[in-house]
Protein backbone atom coordinates (compact mmCIF):
# COMPACT_ATOMS: atom_id res chain seq x y z
CA MET A 1 -24.63 18.26 -0.43
CA ASP A 2 -27.42 15.73 -1.02
CA LEU A 3 -26.02 12.63 0.67
CA ARG A 4 -28.62 10.33 -0.89
CA ALA A 5 -27.53 11.48 -4.33
CA VAL A 6 -23.90 10.85 -3.41
CA LYS A 7 -24.77 7.32 -2.28
CA ALA A 8 -26.66 6.68 -5.52
CA ALA A 9 -24.03 8.17 -7.85
CA THR A 10 -22.04 5.99 -10.23
CA SER A 11 -18.26 6.13 -10.45
CA PRO A 12 -18.33 8.33 -13.60
CA GLU A 13 -20.77 10.69 -11.89
CA LEU A 14 -18.53 10.93 -8.84
CA VAL A 15 -15.56 11.61 -11.11
CA ALA A 16 -17.48 14.42 -12.84
CA ALA A 17 -18.36 15.89 -9.45
CA ALA A 18 -14.71 15.69 -8.32
CA VAL A 19 -13.58 17.54 -11.45
CA ALA A 20 -16.29 20.16 -10.91
CA ALA A 21 -15.20 20.62 -7.29
CA GLN A 22 -11.61 21.05 -8.43
CA ARG A 23 -12.73 23.68 -10.94
CA ASN A 24 -14.87 25.46 -8.33
CA ALA A 25 -11.95 25.53 -5.88
CA GLY A 26 -10.00 27.50 -8.50
CA ASP A 27 -12.90 29.91 -8.93
CA LEU A 28 -13.17 30.43 -5.16
CA LEU A 29 -9.44 31.15 -4.98
CA HIS A 30 -9.74 33.64 -7.84
CA ASP A 31 -12.56 35.48 -6.07
CA ALA A 32 -10.62 35.45 -2.80
CA GLU A 33 -7.62 37.06 -4.50
CA VAL A 34 -9.85 39.74 -6.08
CA LEU A 35 -11.32 40.55 -2.67
CA ALA A 36 -7.88 40.60 -1.05
CA GLN A 37 -6.66 43.10 -3.64
CA ALA A 38 -9.72 45.21 -2.82
CA ARG A 39 -8.75 44.99 0.89
CA SER A 40 -11.89 43.04 1.75
CA THR A 41 -9.73 40.96 4.05
CA ALA A 42 -12.34 39.01 6.01
CA ARG A 43 -14.34 37.87 2.99
CA ALA A 44 -11.14 36.99 1.14
CA TYR A 45 -10.12 34.76 4.04
CA SER A 46 -13.45 32.93 4.08
CA LEU A 47 -13.39 32.25 0.34
CA ALA A 48 -9.76 31.08 0.47
CA ALA A 49 -10.66 28.68 3.30
CA LEU A 50 -13.62 27.43 1.28
CA ALA A 51 -11.29 26.83 -1.69
CA VAL A 52 -9.20 24.45 0.45
CA GLU A 53 -12.39 22.73 1.64
CA GLU A 54 -13.50 22.31 -1.96
CA VAL A 55 -10.20 20.63 -2.81
CA GLY A 56 -10.81 18.30 0.13
CA LYS A 57 -14.34 17.60 -1.10
CA GLY A 58 -12.99 16.79 -4.54
CA SER A 59 -10.49 14.35 -3.06
CA TRP A 60 -13.24 12.53 -1.14
CA LEU A 61 -15.42 12.35 -4.26
CA ALA A 62 -12.48 10.88 -6.17
CA THR A 63 -11.88 8.40 -3.34
CA LEU A 64 -15.52 7.29 -3.41
CA ALA A 65 -15.31 6.84 -7.18
CA THR A 66 -12.54 4.23 -6.79
CA MET A 67 -14.02 2.54 -3.72
CA PRO A 68 -15.41 -0.98 -4.28
CA ASP A 69 -19.22 -0.94 -4.49
CA ALA A 70 -19.66 -2.91 -1.27
CA LEU A 71 -17.56 -0.40 0.68
CA ARG A 72 -19.07 2.64 -1.01
CA ALA A 73 -22.55 1.53 0.04
CA ARG A 74 -21.38 1.71 3.69
CA ALA A 75 -19.15 4.77 3.41
CA PRO A 76 -19.89 7.49 6.02
CA VAL A 77 -20.68 10.17 3.45
CA GLY A 78 -22.13 12.46 6.11
CA ARG A 79 -18.78 12.78 7.83
CA MET A 80 -16.92 12.94 4.53
CA PHE A 81 -18.92 15.88 3.18
CA HIS A 82 -20.53 17.67 6.14
CA TRP A 83 -17.49 17.73 8.43
CA HIS A 84 -15.84 21.02 7.51
CA GLN A 85 -12.63 20.42 9.44
CA LEU A 86 -12.15 17.05 7.75
CA LYS A 87 -12.53 18.62 4.31
CA GLN A 88 -10.02 21.26 5.42
CA ALA A 89 -7.60 18.55 6.54
CA ALA A 90 -8.05 16.61 3.29
CA GLY A 91 -7.44 19.77 1.27
CA GLN A 92 -4.36 20.50 3.36
CA LEU A 93 -3.06 16.99 2.69
CA VAL A 94 -3.20 17.73 -1.03
CA ALA A 95 -1.39 21.02 -0.36
CA VAL A 96 1.38 19.87 1.98
CA VAL A 97 2.44 16.61 0.31
CA PRO A 98 4.56 17.64 -2.70
CA TYR A 99 3.93 15.11 -5.40
CA PRO A 100 4.09 14.86 -9.18
CA PRO A 101 1.74 12.74 -11.28
CA PRO A 102 0.63 9.95 -11.23
CA GLY A 103 -0.97 11.07 -8.01
CA LEU A 104 -1.37 11.47 -4.29
CA ALA A 105 -1.77 7.80 -3.40
CA THR A 106 1.53 6.89 -5.07
CA ARG A 107 3.36 9.77 -3.44
CA LEU A 108 2.04 8.86 0.01
CA VAL A 109 3.42 5.35 -0.45
CA VAL A 110 6.89 6.30 -1.68
CA MET A 111 7.64 9.30 0.58
CA PRO A 112 10.21 8.67 3.33
CA ALA A 113 8.38 8.14 6.62
CA ASP A 114 10.04 11.07 8.41
CA ASP A 115 9.23 13.50 5.58
CA LEU A 116 5.64 12.32 5.51
CA ALA A 117 5.29 12.54 9.30
CA GLN A 118 6.51 16.14 9.16
CA ALA A 119 3.95 16.96 6.48
CA LEU A 120 1.11 15.28 8.37
CA SER A 121 1.99 17.11 11.58
CA ALA A 122 1.10 20.36 9.80
CA LEU A 123 -2.54 19.43 9.18
CA GLU A 124 -4.28 20.15 12.48
CA ALA A 125 -3.40 23.80 13.18
CA PRO A 126 -4.37 25.13 9.73
CA ALA A 127 -7.64 23.18 9.83
CA ASP A 128 -8.42 24.64 13.24
CA GLU A 129 -7.57 28.20 12.20
CA ALA A 130 -9.40 27.98 8.89
CA ASP A 131 -12.55 26.55 10.47
CA ARG A 132 -12.68 29.38 13.04
CA LEU A 133 -11.87 32.21 10.68
CA ARG A 134 -13.97 30.91 7.78
CA ARG A 135 -17.01 31.67 9.93
CA GLY A 136 -15.33 34.72 11.45
CA GLY A 137 -14.90 36.26 8.02
CA LEU A 138 -18.65 36.26 7.46
CA TYR A 139 -20.38 36.54 10.83
CA VAL A 140 -20.31 38.49 14.07
CA ASP A 141 -19.99 36.23 17.11
CA ILE A 142 -19.87 36.62 20.88
CA GLY A 143 -17.39 34.72 22.99
CA MET A 144 -16.80 34.07 26.66
CA GLY A 145 -16.88 37.18 28.82
CA GLY A 146 -19.05 38.98 26.30
CA ARG A 147 -16.18 39.49 23.87
CA ILE A 148 -17.49 40.48 20.44
CA ARG A 149 -15.73 39.01 17.42
CA GLU A 150 -16.21 40.74 14.08
CA PRO A 151 -14.99 39.97 10.53
CA ALA A 152 -12.93 43.17 10.57
CA GLN A 153 -10.64 41.59 13.20
CA ILE A 154 -9.15 39.15 10.67
CA THR A 155 -5.68 40.45 9.83
CA GLU A 156 -3.87 40.81 6.54
CA ALA A 157 -1.26 38.33 7.78
CA GLU A 158 -3.97 35.73 8.36
CA VAL A 159 -5.51 36.19 4.93
CA THR A 160 -2.08 36.10 3.28
CA ARG A 161 -1.32 32.81 5.01
CA GLN A 162 -4.68 31.31 4.02
CA LEU A 163 -4.37 32.47 0.41
CA GLU A 164 -1.02 30.69 0.16
CA ARG A 165 -2.55 27.48 1.53
CA ALA A 166 -5.37 27.76 -1.00
CA ARG A 167 -2.92 28.34 -3.88
CA GLN A 168 -0.93 25.25 -2.87
CA ALA A 169 -4.04 23.09 -2.58
CA VAL A 170 -5.66 24.27 -5.82
CA GLY A 171 -2.39 24.06 -7.75
CA ALA A 172 -1.68 20.53 -6.56
CA ALA A 173 -5.24 19.41 -7.32
CA ARG A 174 -4.98 20.76 -10.87
CA VAL A 175 -1.78 18.82 -11.49
CA THR A 176 -2.86 15.49 -10.03
CA LEU A 177 -6.61 15.02 -9.70
CA GLY A 178 -7.31 15.21 -13.41
CA PRO A 179 -4.80 12.53 -14.49
CA GLU A 180 -5.76 10.35 -11.52
CA LEU A 181 -9.44 10.37 -12.37
CA THR A 182 -8.95 9.08 -15.90
CA SER A 183 -8.13 5.64 -14.46
CA VAL A 184 -11.25 5.20 -12.33
CA ALA A 185 -12.58 2.22 -14.29
CA HIS A 186 -9.39 0.27 -13.55
CA PRO A 187 -7.57 2.17 -10.78
CA PRO A 188 -3.95 1.30 -10.02
CA GLU A 189 -3.38 -0.79 -6.91
CA GLU A 190 -2.28 2.09 -4.71
CA LYS A 191 -5.37 4.15 -5.64
CA ALA A 192 -7.71 1.26 -4.80
CA GLU A 193 -5.86 0.68 -1.53
CA PHE A 194 -6.13 4.41 -0.77
CA ALA A 195 -9.94 4.12 -1.01
CA ARG A 196 -9.96 1.06 1.26
CA ALA A 197 -7.66 2.78 3.75
CA ALA A 198 -9.99 5.79 3.82
CA PHE A 199 -12.94 3.53 4.59
CA ASP A 200 -11.02 1.78 7.38
CA ALA A 201 -9.89 5.10 8.87
CA PHE A 202 -13.49 6.27 9.13
CA ALA A 203 -14.59 2.92 10.54
CA SER A 204 -12.03 3.17 13.35
CA ALA A 205 -12.69 6.85 14.12
CA GLY A 206 -14.93 8.11 16.88
CA TYR A 207 -17.68 10.67 16.48
CA ALA A 208 -15.84 13.80 17.60
CA ARG A 209 -15.78 16.55 14.96
CA THR A 210 -12.76 18.58 16.00
CA PRO A 211 -9.66 19.64 14.06
CA ASP A 212 -7.63 17.08 16.04
CA ALA A 213 -10.09 14.29 15.20
CA ALA A 214 -10.06 15.31 11.53
CA ALA A 215 -6.26 15.25 11.40
CA SER A 216 -6.26 11.85 13.11
CA VAL A 217 -8.55 10.42 10.42
CA ILE A 218 -6.12 11.58 7.74
CA VAL A 219 -3.08 10.21 9.57
CA THR A 220 -4.80 6.88 10.17
CA MET A 221 -5.78 6.65 6.50
CA VAL A 222 -2.21 7.30 5.34
CA SER A 223 -0.84 4.88 7.92
CA LYS A 224 -3.14 2.07 6.79
CA LEU A 225 -2.31 2.75 3.14
CA ARG A 226 1.42 2.49 3.72
CA GLU A 227 1.11 -0.57 5.95
CA ARG A 228 -0.82 -2.38 3.21
CA MET A 229 1.38 -1.30 0.33
CA LEU A 230 4.74 -1.61 2.10
CA GLY A 231 3.89 -4.47 4.48
CA ILE A 232 5.56 -2.71 7.39
CA PRO A 233 4.00 -2.61 10.90
CA GLN A 234 3.00 0.80 12.23
CA ARG A 235 5.17 2.85 14.54
CA ASP A 236 4.76 6.18 16.27
CA ALA A 237 4.81 9.08 13.83
CA PRO A 238 7.32 11.80 14.78
CA GLY A 239 5.86 15.21 15.46
CA ARG A 240 2.21 14.16 15.61
CA ALA A 241 0.71 13.99 19.09
CA PRO A 242 -3.00 14.81 19.09
CA ARG A 243 -4.44 16.61 22.09
CA GLY A 244 -6.57 13.55 22.82
CA GLY A 245 -3.43 11.80 24.03
CA ASN A 246 -3.19 9.00 21.44
CA ARG A 247 -0.18 9.44 19.26
CA ALA A 248 -0.83 9.02 15.57
CA ARG A 249 0.98 6.10 14.03
CA LEU A 250 2.77 5.89 10.72
CA PRO A 251 4.47 2.93 9.09
CA ALA A 252 8.19 3.11 8.69
CA GLY A 253 9.39 3.43 5.13
């Protein structure tokens, strides 16, 4: 993605790109299912993983579209669009948080804290697996001890699991992203706060690009959103203890 073009894009242009990404995610899922039916397991896995990433990309484009101009000018678009595990985690967030219209931001605010913490705790492992096997479905690699890894080693169980994740992410994006994006000119309060929370989460993040770091950005973003909208101080989030040792925090609700 041309990051200079992203920086220069207007809100309507970012909206159009988000809709196109949503549409492309559906096309990637379709192609993955065709390949899976043809027993091209490895390639099916890679395309299904890319479909989830594309949903994540669409969500970041939509977030940028509703971000105040002053924040958008300083947004870390390189990390938002070149960090594969973060796009996976963002796509997984769309998939694992069950929400009806009017959209993700509203649902993240109104969900009970324990339910949300359980959903967020599921982000890291799928992002880690998908990032490894997305490449593994296309390339031969060599690991420690001279172990050769080939696309043919991806199992049917793994591709079935990834296809289901992709279906959830694409289906949720179809239901919610479109209606959400029609209000970009005058976004509802929770959508504007979602964009600000995303900016703050990136500002407070380090420079590690691991699945754990990606999941932590998402958890921090959700935590800041709920703290602002609900006015409740943060507390430890059940079931979310990153390997780095700092427990993610989630506002009570």
